[in-house]
C-alpha atoms as a PDB file:
ATOM      1  CA  MET A   1      93.354  92.000 113.838  1.00  0.00           C
ATOM      2  CA  ARG A   2      91.594  88.936 115.311  1.00  0.00           C
ATOM      3  CA  ALA A   3      93.989  88.918 118.251  1.00  0.00           C
ATOM      4  CA  MET A   4      93.314  92.590 118.829  1.00  0.00           C
ATOM      5  CA  ALA A   5      89.551  92.111 118.689  1.00  0.00           C
ATOM      6  CA  ALA A   6      89.739  89.209 121.144  1.00  0.00           C
ATOM      7  CA  LEU A   7      91.681  91.245 123.642  1.00  0.00           C
ATOM      8  CA  LEU A   8      89.234  94.174 123.331  1.00  0.00           C
ATOM      9  CA  ARG A   9      86.314  91.849 123.908  1.00  0.00           C
ATOM     10  CA  GLN A  10      87.930  90.728 127.155  1.00  0.00           C
ATOM     11  CA  GLY A  11      87.648  94.251 128.432  1.00  0.00           C
ATOM     12  CA  ARG A  12      91.221  95.392 128.003  1.00  0.00           C
ATOM     13  CA  TYR A  13      91.997  99.030 127.225  1.00  0.00           C
ATOM     14  CA  ALA A  14      93.143  99.934 123.698  1.00  0.00           C
ATOM     15  CA  ASP A  15      96.540 101.213 124.965  1.00  0.00           C
ATOM     16  CA  GLU A  16      97.261  97.897 126.612  1.00  0.00           C
ATOM     17  CA  VAL A  17      96.111  96.005 123.471  1.00  0.00           C
ATOM     18  CA  MET A  18      98.229  98.044 121.076  1.00  0.00           C
ATOM     19  CA  ALA A  19     101.331  97.395 123.215  1.00  0.00           C
ATOM     20  CA  GLN A  20     100.822  93.610 122.978  1.00  0.00           C
ATOM     21  CA  VAL A  21      99.957  93.225 119.328  1.00  0.00           C
ATOM     22  CA  PRO A  22     103.031  93.321 117.062  1.00  0.00           C
ATOM     23  CA  ALA A  23     103.167  96.086 114.493  1.00  0.00           C
ATOM     24  CA  ALA A  24     102.261  94.605 111.095  1.00  0.00           C
ATOM     25  CA  GLY A  25     102.961  96.286 107.834  1.00  0.00           C
ATOM     26  CA  LYS A  26     105.453  98.910 109.046  1.00  0.00           C
ATOM     27  CA  ARG A  27     108.221  99.311 106.463  1.00  0.00           C
ATOM     28  CA  GLN A  28     111.460 101.147 106.593  1.00  0.00           C
ATOM     29  CA  ALA A  29     111.759 104.166 104.404  1.00  0.00           C
ATOM     30  CA  LYS A  30     113.437 103.519 101.022  1.00  0.00           C
ATOM     31  CA  VAL A  31     116.997 104.812 100.828  1.00  0.00           C
ATOM     32  CA  GLY A  32     117.520 107.332  98.018  1.00  0.00           C
ATOM     33  CA  ARG A  33     120.659 107.436  95.905  1.00  0.00           C
ATOM     34  CA  ASN A  34     121.814 110.712  97.454  1.00  0.00           C
ATOM     35  CA  ASP A  35     120.907 109.878 101.008  1.00  0.00           C
ATOM     36  CA  PRO A  36     123.628 108.905 103.577  1.00  0.00           C
ATOM     37  CA  CYS A  37     124.334 105.180 103.507  1.00  0.00           C
ATOM     38  CA  PRO A  38     122.561 103.263 106.217  1.00  0.00           C
ATOM     39  CA  CYS A  39     125.689 101.216 106.925  1.00  0.00           C
ATOM     40  CA  GLY A  40     127.155 104.261 108.744  1.00  0.00           C
ATOM     41  CA  SER A  41     130.212 104.820 106.507  1.00  0.00           C
ATOM     42  CA  GLY A  42     129.446 108.461 106.029  1.00  0.00           C
ATOM     43  CA  LEU A  43     129.352 108.192 102.240  1.00  0.00           C
ATOM     44  CA  LYS A  44     126.338 108.659 100.040  1.00  0.00           C
ATOM     45  CA  TYR A  45     124.438 105.449  99.297  1.00  0.00           C
ATOM     46  CA  LYS A  46     125.262 105.623  95.561  1.00  0.00           C
ATOM     47  CA  TYR A  47     129.050 105.519  96.315  1.00  0.00           C
ATOM     48  CA  CYS A  48     128.842 102.887  99.021  1.00  0.00           C
ATOM     49  CA  CYS A  49     126.396  99.989  99.284  1.00  0.00           C
ATOM     50  CA  GLN A  50     124.492 100.644  96.023  1.00  0.00           C
ATOM     51  CA  ARG A  51     127.557  99.577  94.091  1.00  0.00           C
ATOM     52  CA  THR A  52     127.602  96.053  95.534  1.00  0.00           C
END
């Protein structure tokens, strides 16, 4: 937030500032048991990577 405020005080546009500041706090969605496995195997998560 401080980096963002400093750039805005310098007279930069908000679009330009948002492109430079890394996204903080963005999380990936939690994988459900019956969702397709994110590894790309084509199996459900509960039959693939959840069993490890």
